[in-house]
């Protein structure tokens, strides 16, 4: 029941991490 929300959270975290590194550079 929560798999979609968990996957969305994980994908969002990865997106933020990658873009944070690009933005920091």
PDBML (XML) file of the C-alpha atoms, coordinates in Angstrom:
<?xml version="1.0" encoding="UTF-8" ?>
<PDBx:datablock datablockName="MODEL"
   xmlns:PDBx="http://pdbml.pdb.org/schema/pdbx-v50.xsd"
   xmlns:xsi="http://www.w3.org/2001/XMLSchema-instance"
   xsi:schemaLocation="http://pdbml.pdb.org/schema/pdbx-v50.xsd pdbx-v50.xsd">
   <PDBx:atom_siteCategory>
      <PDBx:atom_site id="1">
         <PDBx:B_iso_or_equiv>0.00</PDBx:B_iso_or_equiv>
         <PDBx:Cartn_x>0.000</PDBx:Cartn_x>
         <PDBx:Cartn_y>0.000</PDBx:Cartn_y>
         <PDBx:Cartn_z>0.000</PDBx:Cartn_z>
         <PDBx:auth_asym_id>A</PDBx:auth_asym_id>
         <PDBx:auth_atom_id>CA</PDBx:auth_atom_id>
         <PDBx:auth_comp_id>UNK</PDBx:auth_comp_id>
         <PDBx:auth_seq_id>1</PDBx:auth_seq_id>
         <PDBx:group_PDB>ATOM</PDBx:group_PDB>
         <PDBx:label_alt_id xsi:nil="true" />
         <PDBx:label_asym_id>A</PDBx:label_asym_id>
         <PDBx:label_atom_id>CA</PDBx:label_atom_id>
         <PDBx:label_comp_id>UNK</PDBx:label_comp_id>
         <PDBx:label_entity_id>1</PDBx:label_entity_id>
         <PDBx:label_seq_id>1</PDBx:label_seq_id>
         <PDBx:occupancy>1.00</PDBx:occupancy>
         <PDBx:pdbx_PDB_model_num>1</PDBx:pdbx_PDB_model_num>
         <PDBx:type_symbol>C</PDBx:type_symbol>
      </PDBx:atom_site>
      <PDBx:atom_site id="2">
         <PDBx:B_iso_or_equiv>0.00</PDBx:B_iso_or_equiv>
         <PDBx:Cartn_x>2.916</PDBx:Cartn_x>
         <PDBx:Cartn_y>2.329</PDBx:Cartn_y>
         <PDBx:Cartn_z>0.623</PDBx:Cartn_z>
         <PDBx:auth_asym_id>A</PDBx:auth_asym_id>
         <PDBx:auth_atom_id>CA</PDBx:auth_atom_id>
         <PDBx:auth_comp_id>UNK</PDBx:auth_comp_id>
         <PDBx:auth_seq_id>2</PDBx:auth_seq_id>
         <PDBx:group_PDB>ATOM</PDBx:group_PDB>
         <PDBx:label_alt_id xsi:nil="true" />
         <PDBx:label_asym_id>A</PDBx:label_asym_id>
         <PDBx:label_atom_id>CA</PDBx:label_atom_id>
         <PDBx:label_comp_id>UNK</PDBx:label_comp_id>
         <PDBx:label_entity_id>1</PDBx:label_entity_id>
         <PDBx:label_seq_id>2</PDBx:label_seq_id>
         <PDBx:occupancy>1.00</PDBx:occupancy>
         <PDBx:pdbx_PDB_model_num>1</PDBx:pdbx_PDB_model_num>
         <PDBx:type_symbol>C</PDBx:type_symbol>
      </PDBx:atom_site>
      <PDBx:atom_site id="3">
         <PDBx:B_iso_or_equiv>0.00</PDBx:B_iso_or_equiv>
         <PDBx:Cartn_x>5.312</PDBx:Cartn_x>
         <PDBx:Cartn_y>1.074</PDBx:Cartn_y>
         <PDBx:Cartn_z>-2.061</PDBx:Cartn_z>
         <PDBx:auth_asym_id>A</PDBx:auth_asym_id>
         <PDBx:auth_atom_id>CA</PDBx:auth_atom_id>
         <PDBx:auth_comp_id>UNK</PDBx:auth_comp_id>
         <PDBx:auth_seq_id>3</PDBx:auth_seq_id>
         <PDBx:group_PDB>ATOM</PDBx:group_PDB>
         <PDBx:label_alt_id xsi:nil="true" />
         <PDBx:label_asym_id>A</PDBx:label_asym_id>
         <PDBx:label_atom_id>CA</PDBx:label_atom_id>
         <PDBx:label_comp_id>UNK</PDBx:label_comp_id>
         <PDBx:label_entity_id>1</PDBx:label_entity_id>
         <PDBx:label_seq_id>3</PDBx:label_seq_id>
         <PDBx:occupancy>1.00</PDBx:occupancy>
         <PDBx:pdbx_PDB_model_num>1</PDBx:pdbx_PDB_model_num>
         <PDBx:type_symbol>C</PDBx:type_symbol>
      </PDBx:atom_site>
      <PDBx:atom_site id="4">
         <PDBx:B_iso_or_equiv>0.00</PDBx:B_iso_or_equiv>
         <PDBx:Cartn_x>4.438</PDBx:Cartn_x>
         <PDBx:Cartn_y>3.870</PDBx:Cartn_y>
         <PDBx:Cartn_z>-4.516</PDBx:Cartn_z>
         <PDBx:auth_asym_id>A</PDBx:auth_asym_id>
         <PDBx:auth_atom_id>CA</PDBx:auth_atom_id>
         <PDBx:auth_comp_id>UNK</PDBx:auth_comp_id>
         <PDBx:auth_seq_id>4</PDBx:auth_seq_id>
         <PDBx:group_PDB>ATOM</PDBx:group_PDB>
         <PDBx:label_alt_id xsi:nil="true" />
         <PDBx:label_asym_id>A</PDBx:label_asym_id>
         <PDBx:label_atom_id>CA</PDBx:label_atom_id>
         <PDBx:label_comp_id>UNK</PDBx:label_comp_id>
         <PDBx:label_entity_id>1</PDBx:label_entity_id>
         <PDBx:label_seq_id>4</PDBx:label_seq_id>
         <PDBx:occupancy>1.00</PDBx:occupancy>
         <PDBx:pdbx_PDB_model_num>1</PDBx:pdbx_PDB_model_num>
         <PDBx:type_symbol>C</PDBx:type_symbol>
      </PDBx:atom_site>
      <PDBx:atom_site id="5">
         <PDBx:B_iso_or_equiv>0.00</PDBx:B_iso_or_equiv>
         <PDBx:Cartn_x>4.981</PDBx:Cartn_x>
         <PDBx:Cartn_y>6.549</PDBx:Cartn_y>
         <PDBx:Cartn_z>-1.868</PDBx:Cartn_z>
         <PDBx:auth_asym_id>A</PDBx:auth_asym_id>
         <PDBx:auth_atom_id>CA</PDBx:auth_atom_id>
         <PDBx:auth_comp_id>UNK</PDBx:auth_comp_id>
         <PDBx:auth_seq_id>5</PDBx:auth_seq_id>
         <PDBx:group_PDB>ATOM</PDBx:group_PDB>
         <PDBx:label_alt_id xsi:nil="true" />
         <PDBx:label_asym_id>A</PDBx:label_asym_id>
         <PDBx:label_atom_id>CA</PDBx:label_atom_id>
         <PDBx:label_comp_id>UNK</PDBx:label_comp_id>
         <PDBx:label_entity_id>1</PDBx:label_entity_id>
         <PDBx:label_seq_id>5</PDBx:label_seq_id>
         <PDBx:occupancy>1.00</PDBx:occupancy>
         <PDBx:pdbx_PDB_model_num>1</PDBx:pdbx_PDB_model_num>
         <PDBx:type_symbol>C</PDBx:type_symbol>
      </PDBx:atom_site>
      <PDBx:atom_site id="6">
         <PDBx:B_iso_or_equiv>0.00</PDBx:B_iso_or_equiv>
         <PDBx:Cartn_x>8.253</PDBx:Cartn_x>
         <PDBx:Cartn_y>4.954</PDBx:Cartn_y>
         <PDBx:Cartn_z>-0.740</PDBx:Cartn_z>
         <PDBx:auth_asym_id>A</PDBx:auth_asym_id>
         <PDBx:auth_atom_id>CA</PDBx:auth_atom_id>
         <PDBx:auth_comp_id>UNK</PDBx:auth_comp_id>
         <PDBx:auth_seq_id>6</PDBx:auth_seq_id>
         <PDBx:group_PDB>ATOM</PDBx:group_PDB>
         <PDBx:label_alt_id xsi:nil="true" />
         <PDBx:label_asym_id>A</PDBx:label_asym_id>
         <PDBx:label_atom_id>CA</PDBx:label_atom_id>
         <PDBx:label_comp_id>UNK</PDBx:label_comp_id>
         <PDBx:label_entity_id>1</PDBx:label_entity_id>
         <PDBx:label_seq_id>6</PDBx:label_seq_id>
         <PDBx:occupancy>1.00</PDBx:occupancy>
         <PDBx:pdbx_PDB_model_num>1</PDBx:pdbx_PDB_model_num>
         <PDBx:type_symbol>C</PDBx:type_symbol>
      </PDBx:atom_site>
      <PDBx:atom_site id="7">
         <PDBx:B_iso_or_equiv>0.00</PDBx:B_iso_or_equiv>
         <PDBx:Cartn_x>9.547</PDBx:Cartn_x>
         <PDBx:Cartn_y>4.707</PDBx:Cartn_y>
         <PDBx:Cartn_z>-4.313</PDBx:Cartn_z>
         <PDBx:auth_asym_id>A</PDBx:auth_asym_id>
         <PDBx:auth_atom_id>CA</PDBx:auth_atom_id>
         <PDBx:auth_comp_id>UNK</PDBx:auth_comp_id>
         <PDBx:auth_seq_id>7</PDBx:auth_seq_id>
         <PDBx:group_PDB>ATOM</PDBx:group_PDB>
         <PDBx:label_alt_id xsi:nil="true" />
         <PDBx:label_asym_id>A</PDBx:label_asym_id>
         <PDBx:label_atom_id>CA</PDBx:label_atom_id>
         <PDBx:label_comp_id>UNK</PDBx:label_comp_id>
         <PDBx:label_entity_id>1</PDBx:label_entity_id>
         <PDBx:label_seq_id>7</PDBx:label_seq_id>
         <PDBx:occupancy>1.00</PDBx:occupancy>
         <PDBx:pdbx_PDB_model_num>1</PDBx:pdbx_PDB_model_num>
         <PDBx:type_symbol>C</PDBx:type_symbol>
      </PDBx:atom_site>
      <PDBx:atom_site id="8">
         <PDBx:B_iso_or_equiv>0.00</PDBx:B_iso_or_equiv>
         <PDBx:Cartn_x>8.578</PDBx:Cartn_x>
         <PDBx:Cartn_y>8.337</PDBx:Cartn_y>
         <PDBx:Cartn_z>-4.900</PDBx:Cartn_z>
         <PDBx:auth_asym_id>A</PDBx:auth_asym_id>
         <PDBx:auth_atom_id>CA</PDBx:auth_atom_id>
         <PDBx:auth_comp_id>UNK</PDBx:auth_comp_id>
         <PDBx:auth_seq_id>8</PDBx:auth_seq_id>
         <PDBx:group_PDB>ATOM</PDBx:group_PDB>
         <PDBx:label_alt_id xsi:nil="true" />
         <PDBx:label_asym_id>A</PDBx:label_asym_id>
         <PDBx:label_atom_id>CA</PDBx:label_atom_id>
         <PDBx:label_comp_id>UNK</PDBx:label_comp_id>
         <PDBx:label_entity_id>1</PDBx:label_entity_id>
         <PDBx:label_seq_id>8</PDBx:label_seq_id>
         <PDBx:occupancy>1.00</PDBx:occupancy>
         <PDBx:pdbx_PDB_model_num>1</PDBx:pdbx_PDB_model_num>
         <PDBx:type_symbol>C</PDBx:type_symbol>
      </PDBx:atom_site>
      <PDBx:atom_site id="9">
         <PDBx:B_iso_or_equiv>0.00</PDBx:B_iso_or_equiv>
         <PDBx:Cartn_x>10.467</PDBx:Cartn_x>
         <PDBx:Cartn_y>9.344</PDBx:Cartn_y>
         <PDBx:Cartn_z>-1.751</PDBx:Cartn_z>
         <PDBx:auth_asym_id>A</PDBx:auth_asym_id>
         <PDBx:auth_atom_id>CA</PDBx:auth_atom_id>
         <PDBx:auth_comp_id>UNK</PDBx:auth_comp_id>
         <PDBx:auth_seq_id>9</PDBx:auth_seq_id>
         <PDBx:group_PDB>ATOM</PDBx:group_PDB>
         <PDBx:label_alt_id xsi:nil="true" />
         <PDBx:label_asym_id>A</PDBx:label_asym_id>
         <PDBx:label_atom_id>CA</PDBx:label_atom_id>
         <PDBx:label_comp_id>UNK</PDBx:label_comp_id>
         <PDBx:label_entity_id>1</PDBx:label_entity_id>
         <PDBx:label_seq_id>9</PDBx:label_seq_id>
         <PDBx:occupancy>1.00</PDBx:occupancy>
         <PDBx:pdbx_PDB_model_num>1</PDBx:pdbx_PDB_model_num>
         <PDBx:type_symbol>C</PDBx:type_symbol>
      </PDBx:atom_site>
      <PDBx:atom_site id="10">
         <PDBx:B_iso_or_equiv>0.00</PDBx:B_iso_or_equiv>
         <PDBx:Cartn_x>13.572</PDBx:Cartn_x>
         <PDBx:Cartn_y>7.387</PDBx:Cartn_y>
         <PDBx:Cartn_z>-2.791</PDBx:Cartn_z>
         <PDBx:auth_asym_id>A</PDBx:auth_asym_id>
         <PDBx:auth_atom_id>CA</PDBx:auth_atom_id>
         <PDBx:auth_comp_id>UNK</PDBx:auth_comp_id>
         <PDBx:auth_seq_id>10</PDBx:auth_seq_id>
         <PDBx:group_PDB>ATOM</PDBx:group_PDB>
         <PDBx:label_alt_id xsi:nil="true" />
         <PDBx:label_asym_id>A</PDBx:label_asym_id>
         <PDBx:label_atom_id>CA</PDBx:label_atom_id>
         <PDBx:label_comp_id>UNK</PDBx:label_comp_id>
         <PDBx:label_entity_id>1</PDBx:label_entity_id>
         <PDBx:label_seq_id>10</PDBx:label_seq_id>
         <PDBx:occupancy>1.00</PDBx:occupancy>
         <PDBx:pdbx_PDB_model_num>1</PDBx:pdbx_PDB_model_num>
         <PDBx:type_symbol>C</PDBx:type_symbol>
      </PDBx:atom_site>
      <PDBx:atom_site id="11">
         <PDBx:B_iso_or_equiv>0.00</PDBx:B_iso_or_equiv>
         <PDBx:Cartn_x>13.524</PDBx:Cartn_x>
         <PDBx:Cartn_y>8.794</PDBx:Cartn_y>
         <PDBx:Cartn_z>-6.348</PDBx:Cartn_z>
         <PDBx:auth_asym_id>A</PDBx:auth_asym_id>
         <PDBx:auth_atom_id>CA</PDBx:auth_atom_id>
         <PDBx:auth_comp_id>UNK</PDBx:auth_comp_id>
         <PDBx:auth_seq_id>11</PDBx:auth_seq_id>
         <PDBx:group_PDB>ATOM</PDBx:group_PDB>
         <PDBx:label_alt_id xsi:nil="true" />
         <PDBx:label_asym_id>A</PDBx:label_asym_id>
         <PDBx:label_atom_id>CA</PDBx:label_atom_id>
         <PDBx:label_comp_id>UNK</PDBx:label_comp_id>
         <PDBx:label_entity_id>1</PDBx:label_entity_id>
         <PDBx:label_seq_id>11</PDBx:label_seq_id>
         <PDBx:occupancy>1.00</PDBx:occupancy>
         <PDBx:pdbx_PDB_model_num>1</PDBx:pdbx_PDB_model_num>
         <PDBx:type_symbol>C</PDBx:type_symbol>
      </PDBx:atom_site>
      <PDBx:atom_site id="12">
         <PDBx:B_iso_or_equiv>0.00</PDBx:B_iso_or_equiv>
         <PDBx:Cartn_x>12.994</PDBx:Cartn_x>
         <PDBx:Cartn_y>12.306</PDBx:Cartn_y>
         <PDBx:Cartn_z>-5.001</PDBx:Cartn_z>
         <PDBx:auth_asym_id>A</PDBx:auth_asym_id>
         <PDBx:auth_atom_id>CA</PDBx:auth_atom_id>
         <PDBx:auth_comp_id>UNK</PDBx:auth_comp_id>
         <PDBx:auth_seq_id>12</PDBx:auth_seq_id>
         <PDBx:group_PDB>ATOM</PDBx:group_PDB>
         <PDBx:label_alt_id xsi:nil="true" />
         <PDBx:label_asym_id>A</PDBx:label_asym_id>
         <PDBx:label_atom_id>CA</PDBx:label_atom_id>
         <PDBx:label_comp_id>UNK</PDBx:label_comp_id>
         <PDBx:label_entity_id>1</PDBx:label_entity_id>
         <PDBx:label_seq_id>12</PDBx:label_seq_id>
         <PDBx:occupancy>1.00</PDBx:occupancy>
         <PDBx:pdbx_PDB_model_num>1</PDBx:pdbx_PDB_model_num>
         <PDBx:type_symbol>C</PDBx:type_symbol>
      </PDBx:atom_site>
      <PDBx:atom_site id="13">
         <PDBx:B_iso_or_equiv>0.00</PDBx:B_iso_or_equiv>
         <PDBx:Cartn_x>15.939</PDBx:Cartn_x>
         <PDBx:Cartn_y>11.902</PDBx:Cartn_y>
         <PDBx:Cartn_z>-2.610</PDBx:Cartn_z>
         <PDBx:auth_asym_id>A</PDBx:auth_asym_id>
         <PDBx:auth_atom_id>CA</PDBx:auth_atom_id>
         <PDBx:auth_comp_id>UNK</PDBx:auth_comp_id>
         <PDBx:auth_seq_id>13</PDBx:auth_seq_id>
         <PDBx:group_PDB>ATOM</PDBx:group_PDB>
         <PDBx:label_alt_id xsi:nil="true" />
         <PDBx:label_asym_id>A</PDBx:label_asym_id>
         <PDBx:label_atom_id>CA</PDBx:label_atom_id>
         <PDBx:label_comp_id>UNK</PDBx:label_comp_id>
         <PDBx:label_entity_id>1</PDBx:label_entity_id>
         <PDBx:label_seq_id>13</PDBx:label_seq_id>
         <PDBx:occupancy>1.00</PDBx:occupancy>
         <PDBx:pdbx_PDB_model_num>1</PDBx:pdbx_PDB_model_num>
         <PDBx:type_symbol>C</PDBx:type_symbol>
      </PDBx:atom_site>
      <PDBx:atom_site id="14">
         <PDBx:B_iso_or_equiv>0.00</PDBx:B_iso_or_equiv>
         <PDBx:Cartn_x>18.191</PDBx:Cartn_x>
         <PDBx:Cartn_y>10.708</PDBx:Cartn_y>
         <PDBx:Cartn_z>-5.441</PDBx:Cartn_z>
         <PDBx:auth_asym_id>A</PDBx:auth_asym_id>
         <PDBx:auth_atom_id>CA</PDBx:auth_atom_id>
         <PDBx:auth_comp_id>UNK</PDBx:auth_comp_id>
         <PDBx:auth_seq_id>14</PDBx:auth_seq_id>
         <PDBx:group_PDB>ATOM</PDBx:group_PDB>
         <PDBx:label_alt_id xsi:nil="true" />
         <PDBx:label_asym_id>A</PDBx:label_asym_id>
         <PDBx:label_atom_id>CA</PDBx:label_atom_id>
         <PDBx:label_comp_id>UNK</PDBx:label_comp_id>
         <PDBx:label_entity_id>1</PDBx:label_entity_id>
         <PDBx:label_seq_id>14</PDBx:label_seq_id>
         <PDBx:occupancy>1.00</PDBx:occupancy>
         <PDBx:pdbx_PDB_model_num>1</PDBx:pdbx_PDB_model_num>
         <PDBx:type_symbol>C</PDBx:type_symbol>
      </PDBx:atom_site>
      <PDBx:atom_site id="15">
         <PDBx:B_iso_or_equiv>0.00</PDBx:B_iso_or_equiv>
         <PDBx:Cartn_x>17.041</PDBx:Cartn_x>
         <PDBx:Cartn_y>13.597</PDBx:Cartn_y>
         <PDBx:Cartn_z>-7.628</PDBx:Cartn_z>
         <PDBx:auth_asym_id>A</PDBx:auth_asym_id>
         <PDBx:auth_atom_id>CA</PDBx:auth_atom_id>
         <PDBx:auth_comp_id>UNK</PDBx:auth_comp_id>
         <PDBx:auth_seq_id>15</PDBx:auth_seq_id>
         <PDBx:group_PDB>ATOM</PDBx:group_PDB>
         <PDBx:label_alt_id xsi:nil="true" />
         <PDBx:label_asym_id>A</PDBx:label_asym_id>
         <PDBx:label_atom_id>CA</PDBx:label_atom_id>
         <PDBx:label_comp_id>UNK</PDBx:label_comp_id>
         <PDBx:label_entity_id>1</PDBx:label_entity_id>
         <PDBx:label_seq_id>15</PDBx:label_seq_id>
         <PDBx:occupancy>1.00</PDBx:occupancy>
         <PDBx:pdbx_PDB_model_num>1</PDBx:pdbx_PDB_model_num>
         <PDBx:type_symbol>C</PDBx:type_symbol>
      </PDBx:atom_site>
      <PDBx:atom_site id="16">
         <PDBx:B_iso_or_equiv>0.00</PDBx:B_iso_or_equiv>
         <PDBx:Cartn_x>17.779</PDBx:Cartn_x>
         <PDBx:Cartn_y>16.122</PDBx:Cartn_y>
         <PDBx:Cartn_z>-4.886</PDBx:Cartn_z>
         <PDBx:auth_asym_id>A</PDBx:auth_asym_id>
         <PDBx:auth_atom_id>CA</PDBx:auth_atom_id>
         <PDBx:auth_comp_id>UNK</PDBx:auth_comp_id>
         <PDBx:auth_seq_id>16</PDBx:auth_seq_id>
         <PDBx:group_PDB>ATOM</PDBx:group_PDB>
         <PDBx:label_alt_id xsi:nil="true" />
         <PDBx:label_asym_id>A</PDBx:label_asym_id>
         <PDBx:label_atom_id>CA</PDBx:label_atom_id>
         <PDBx:label_comp_id>UNK</PDBx:label_comp_id>
         <PDBx:label_entity_id>1</PDBx:label_entity_id>
         <PDBx:label_seq_id>16</PDBx:label_seq_id>
         <PDBx:occupancy>1.00</PDBx:occupancy>
         <PDBx:pdbx_PDB_model_num>1</PDBx:pdbx_PDB_model_num>
         <PDBx:type_symbol>C</PDBx:type_symbol>
      </PDBx:atom_site>
      <PDBx:atom_site id="17">
         <PDBx:B_iso_or_equiv>0.00</PDBx:B_iso_or_equiv>
         <PDBx:Cartn_x>21.201</PDBx:Cartn_x>
         <PDBx:Cartn_y>14.592</PDBx:Cartn_y>
         <PDBx:Cartn_z>-4.193</PDBx:Cartn_z>
         <PDBx:auth_asym_id>A</PDBx:auth_asym_id>
         <PDBx:auth_atom_id>CA</PDBx:auth_atom_id>
         <PDBx:auth_comp_id>UNK</PDBx:auth_comp_id>
         <PDBx:auth_seq_id>17</PDBx:auth_seq_id>
         <PDBx:group_PDB>ATOM</PDBx:group_PDB>
         <PDBx:label_alt_id xsi:nil="true" />
         <PDBx:label_asym_id>A</PDBx:label_asym_id>
         <PDBx:label_atom_id>CA</PDBx:label_atom_id>
         <PDBx:label_comp_id>UNK</PDBx:label_comp_id>
         <PDBx:label_entity_id>1</PDBx:label_entity_id>
         <PDBx:label_seq_id>17</PDBx:label_seq_id>
         <PDBx:occupancy>1.00</PDBx:occupancy>
         <PDBx:pdbx_PDB_model_num>1</PDBx:pdbx_PDB_model_num>
         <PDBx:type_symbol>C</PDBx:type_symbol>
      </PDBx:atom_site>
      <PDBx:atom_site id="18">
         <PDBx:B_iso_or_equiv>0.00</PDBx:B_iso_or_equiv>
         <PDBx:Cartn_x>22.296</PDBx:Cartn_x>
         <PDBx:Cartn_y>14.619</PDBx:Cartn_y>
         <PDBx:Cartn_z>-7.848</PDBx:Cartn_z>
         <PDBx:auth_asym_id>A</PDBx:auth_asym_id>
         <PDBx:auth_atom_id>CA</PDBx:auth_atom_id>
         <PDBx:auth_comp_id>UNK</PDBx:auth_comp_id>
         <PDBx:auth_seq_id>18</PDBx:auth_seq_id>
         <PDBx:group_PDB>ATOM</PDBx:group_PDB>
         <PDBx:label_alt_id xsi:nil="true" />
         <PDBx:label_asym_id>A</PDBx:label_asym_id>
         <PDBx:label_atom_id>CA</PDBx:label_atom_id>
         <PDBx:label_comp_id>UNK</PDBx:label_comp_id>
         <PDBx:label_entity_id>1</PDBx:label_entity_id>
         <PDBx:label_seq_id>18</PDBx:label_seq_id>
         <PDBx:occupancy>1.00</PDBx:occupancy>
         <PDBx:pdbx_PDB_model_num>1</PDBx:pdbx_PDB_model_num>
         <PDBx:type_symbol>C</PDBx:type_symbol>
      </PDBx:atom_site>
      <PDBx:atom_site id="19">
         <PDBx:B_iso_or_equiv>0.00</PDBx:B_iso_or_equiv>
         <PDBx:Cartn_x>21.029</PDBx:Cartn_x>
         <PDBx:Cartn_y>18.132</PDBx:Cartn_y>
         <PDBx:Cartn_z>-8.488</PDBx:Cartn_z>
         <PDBx:auth_asym_id>A</PDBx:auth_asym_id>
         <PDBx:auth_atom_id>CA</PDBx:auth_atom_id>
         <PDBx:auth_comp_id>UNK</PDBx:auth_comp_id>
         <PDBx:auth_seq_id>19</PDBx:auth_seq_id>
         <PDBx:group_PDB>ATOM</PDBx:group_PDB>
         <PDBx:label_alt_id xsi:nil="true" />
         <PDBx:label_asym_id>A</PDBx:label_asym_id>
         <PDBx:label_atom_id>CA</PDBx:label_atom_id>
         <PDBx:label_comp_id>UNK</PDBx:label_comp_id>
         <PDBx:label_entity_id>1</PDBx:label_entity_id>
         <PDBx:label_seq_id>19</PDBx:label_seq_id>
         <PDBx:occupancy>1.00</PDBx:occupancy>
         <PDBx:pdbx_PDB_model_num>1</PDBx:pdbx_PDB_model_num>
         <PDBx:type_symbol>C</PDBx:type_symbol>
      </PDBx:atom_site>
      <PDBx:atom_site id="20">
         <PDBx:B_iso_or_equiv>0.00</PDBx:B_iso_or_equiv>
         <PDBx:Cartn_x>22.521</PDBx:Cartn_x>
         <PDBx:Cartn_y>19.385</PDBx:Cartn_y>
         <PDBx:Cartn_z>-5.233</PDBx:Cartn_z>
         <PDBx:auth_asym_id>A</PDBx:auth_asym_id>
         <PDBx:auth_atom_id>CA</PDBx:auth_atom_id>
         <PDBx:auth_comp_id>UNK</PDBx:auth_comp_id>
         <PDBx:auth_seq_id>20</PDBx:auth_seq_id>
         <PDBx:group_PDB>ATOM</PDBx:group_PDB>
         <PDBx:label_alt_id xsi:nil="true" />
         <PDBx:label_asym_id>A</PDBx:label_asym_id>
         <PDBx:label_atom_id>CA</PDBx:label_atom_id>
         <PDBx:label_comp_id>UNK</PDBx:label_comp_id>
         <PDBx:label_entity_id>1</PDBx:label_entity_id>
         <PDBx:label_seq_id>20</PDBx:label_seq_id>
         <PDBx:occupancy>1.00</PDBx:occupancy>
         <PDBx:pdbx_PDB_model_num>1</PDBx:pdbx_PDB_model_num>
         <PDBx:type_symbol>C</PDBx:type_symbol>
      </PDBx:atom_site>
      <PDBx:atom_site id="21">
         <PDBx:B_iso_or_equiv>0.00</PDBx:B_iso_or_equiv>
         <PDBx:Cartn_x>25.968</PDBx:Cartn_x>
         <PDBx:Cartn_y>18.235</PDBx:Cartn_y>
         <PDBx:Cartn_z>-6.380</PDBx:Cartn_z>
         <PDBx:auth_asym_id>A</PDBx:auth_asym_id>
         <PDBx:auth_atom_id>CA</PDBx:auth_atom_id>
         <PDBx:auth_comp_id>UNK</PDBx:auth_comp_id>
         <PDBx:auth_seq_id>21</PDBx:auth_seq_id>
         <PDBx:group_PDB>ATOM</PDBx:group_PDB>
         <PDBx:label_alt_id xsi:nil="true" />
         <PDBx:label_asym_id>A</PDBx:label_asym_id>
         <PDBx:label_atom_id>CA</PDBx:label_atom_id>
         <PDBx:label_comp_id>UNK</PDBx:label_comp_id>
         <PDBx:label_entity_id>1</PDBx:label_entity_id>
         <PDBx:label_seq_id>21</PDBx:label_seq_id>
         <PDBx:occupancy>1.00</PDBx:occupancy>
         <PDBx:pdbx_PDB_model_num>1</PDBx:pdbx_PDB_model_num>
         <PDBx:type_symbol>C</PDBx:type_symbol>
      </PDBx:atom_site>
      <PDBx:atom_site id="22">
         <PDBx:B_iso_or_equiv>0.00</PDBx:B_iso_or_equiv>
         <PDBx:Cartn_x>25.509</PDBx:Cartn_x>
         <PDBx:Cartn_y>19.948</PDBx:Cartn_y>
         <PDBx:Cartn_z>-9.758</PDBx:Cartn_z>
         <PDBx:auth_asym_id>A</PDBx:auth_asym_id>
         <PDBx:auth_atom_id>CA</PDBx:auth_atom_id>
         <PDBx:auth_comp_id>UNK</PDBx:auth_comp_id>
         <PDBx:auth_seq_id>22</PDBx:auth_seq_id>
         <PDBx:group_PDB>ATOM</PDBx:group_PDB>
         <PDBx:label_alt_id xsi:nil="true" />
         <PDBx:label_asym_id>A</PDBx:label_asym_id>
         <PDBx:label_atom_id>CA</PDBx:label_atom_id>
         <PDBx:label_comp_id>UNK</PDBx:label_comp_id>
         <PDBx:label_entity_id>1</PDBx:label_entity_id>
         <PDBx:label_seq_id>22</PDBx:label_seq_id>
         <PDBx:occupancy>1.00</PDBx:occupancy>
         <PDBx:pdbx_PDB_model_num>1</PDBx:pdbx_PDB_model_num>
         <PDBx:type_symbol>C</PDBx:type_symbol>
      </PDBx:atom_site>
      <PDBx:atom_site id="23">
         <PDBx:B_iso_or_equiv>0.00</PDBx:B_iso_or_equiv>
         <PDBx:Cartn_x>24.257</PDBx:Cartn_x>
         <PDBx:Cartn_y>23.117</PDBx:Cartn_y>
         <PDBx:Cartn_z>-8.056</PDBx:Cartn_z>
         <PDBx:auth_asym_id>A</PDBx:auth_asym_id>
         <PDBx:auth_atom_id>CA</PDBx:auth_atom_id>
         <PDBx:auth_comp_id>UNK</PDBx:auth_comp_id>
         <PDBx:auth_seq_id>23</PDBx:auth_seq_id>
         <PDBx:group_PDB>ATOM</PDBx:group_PDB>
         <PDBx:label_alt_id xsi:nil="true" />
         <PDBx:label_asym_id>A</PDBx:label_asym_id>
         <PDBx:label_atom_id>CA</PDBx:label_atom_id>
         <PDBx:label_comp_id>UNK</PDBx:label_comp_id>
         <PDBx:label_entity_id>1</PDBx:label_entity_id>
         <PDBx:label_seq_id>23</PDBx:label_seq_id>
         <PDBx:occupancy>1.00</PDBx:occupancy>
         <PDBx:pdbx_PDB_model_num>1</PDBx:pdbx_PDB_model_num>
         <PDBx:type_symbol>C</PDBx:type_symbol>
      </PDBx:atom_site>
      <PDBx:atom_site id="24">
         <PDBx:B_iso_or_equiv>0.00</PDBx:B_iso_or_equiv>
         <PDBx:Cartn_x>27.151</PDBx:Cartn_x>
         <PDBx:Cartn_y>23.043</PDBx:Cartn_y>
         <PDBx:Cartn_z>-5.579</PDBx:Cartn_z>
         <PDBx:auth_asym_id>A</PDBx:auth_asym_id>
         <PDBx:auth_atom_id>CA</PDBx:auth_atom_id>
         <PDBx:auth_comp_id>UNK</PDBx:auth_comp_id>
         <PDBx:auth_seq_id>24</PDBx:auth_seq_id>
         <PDBx:group_PDB>ATOM</PDBx:group_PDB>
         <PDBx:label_alt_id xsi:nil="true" />
         <PDBx:label_asym_id>A</PDBx:label_asym_id>
         <PDBx:label_atom_id>CA</PDBx:label_atom_id>
         <PDBx:label_comp_id>UNK</PDBx:label_comp_id>
         <PDBx:label_entity_id>1</PDBx:label_entity_id>
         <PDBx:label_seq_id>24</PDBx:label_seq_id>
         <PDBx:occupancy>1.00</PDBx:occupancy>
         <PDBx:pdbx_PDB_model_num>1</PDBx:pdbx_PDB_model_num>
         <PDBx:type_symbol>C</PDBx:type_symbol>
      </PDBx:atom_site>
      <PDBx:atom_site id="25">
         <PDBx:B_iso_or_equiv>0.00</PDBx:B_iso_or_equiv>
         <PDBx:Cartn_x>29.654</PDBx:Cartn_x>
         <PDBx:Cartn_y>22.753</PDBx:Cartn_y>
         <PDBx:Cartn_z>-8.449</PDBx:Cartn_z>
         <PDBx:auth_asym_id>A</PDBx:auth_asym_id>
         <PDBx:auth_atom_id>CA</PDBx:auth_atom_id>
         <PDBx:auth_comp_id>UNK</PDBx:auth_comp_id>
         <PDBx:auth_seq_id>25</PDBx:auth_seq_id>
         <PDBx:group_PDB>ATOM</PDBx:group_PDB>
         <PDBx:label_alt_id xsi:nil="true" />
         <PDBx:label_asym_id>A</PDBx:label_asym_id>
         <PDBx:label_atom_id>CA</PDBx:label_atom_id>
         <PDBx:label_comp_id>UNK</PDBx:label_comp_id>
         <PDBx:label_entity_id>1</PDBx:label_entity_id>
         <PDBx:label_seq_id>25</PDBx:label_seq_id>
         <PDBx:occupancy>1.00</PDBx:occupancy>
         <PDBx:pdbx_PDB_model_num>1</PDBx:pdbx_PDB_model_num>
         <PDBx:type_symbol>C</PDBx:type_symbol>
      </PDBx:atom_site>
   </PDBx:atom_siteCategory>
</PDBx:datablock>
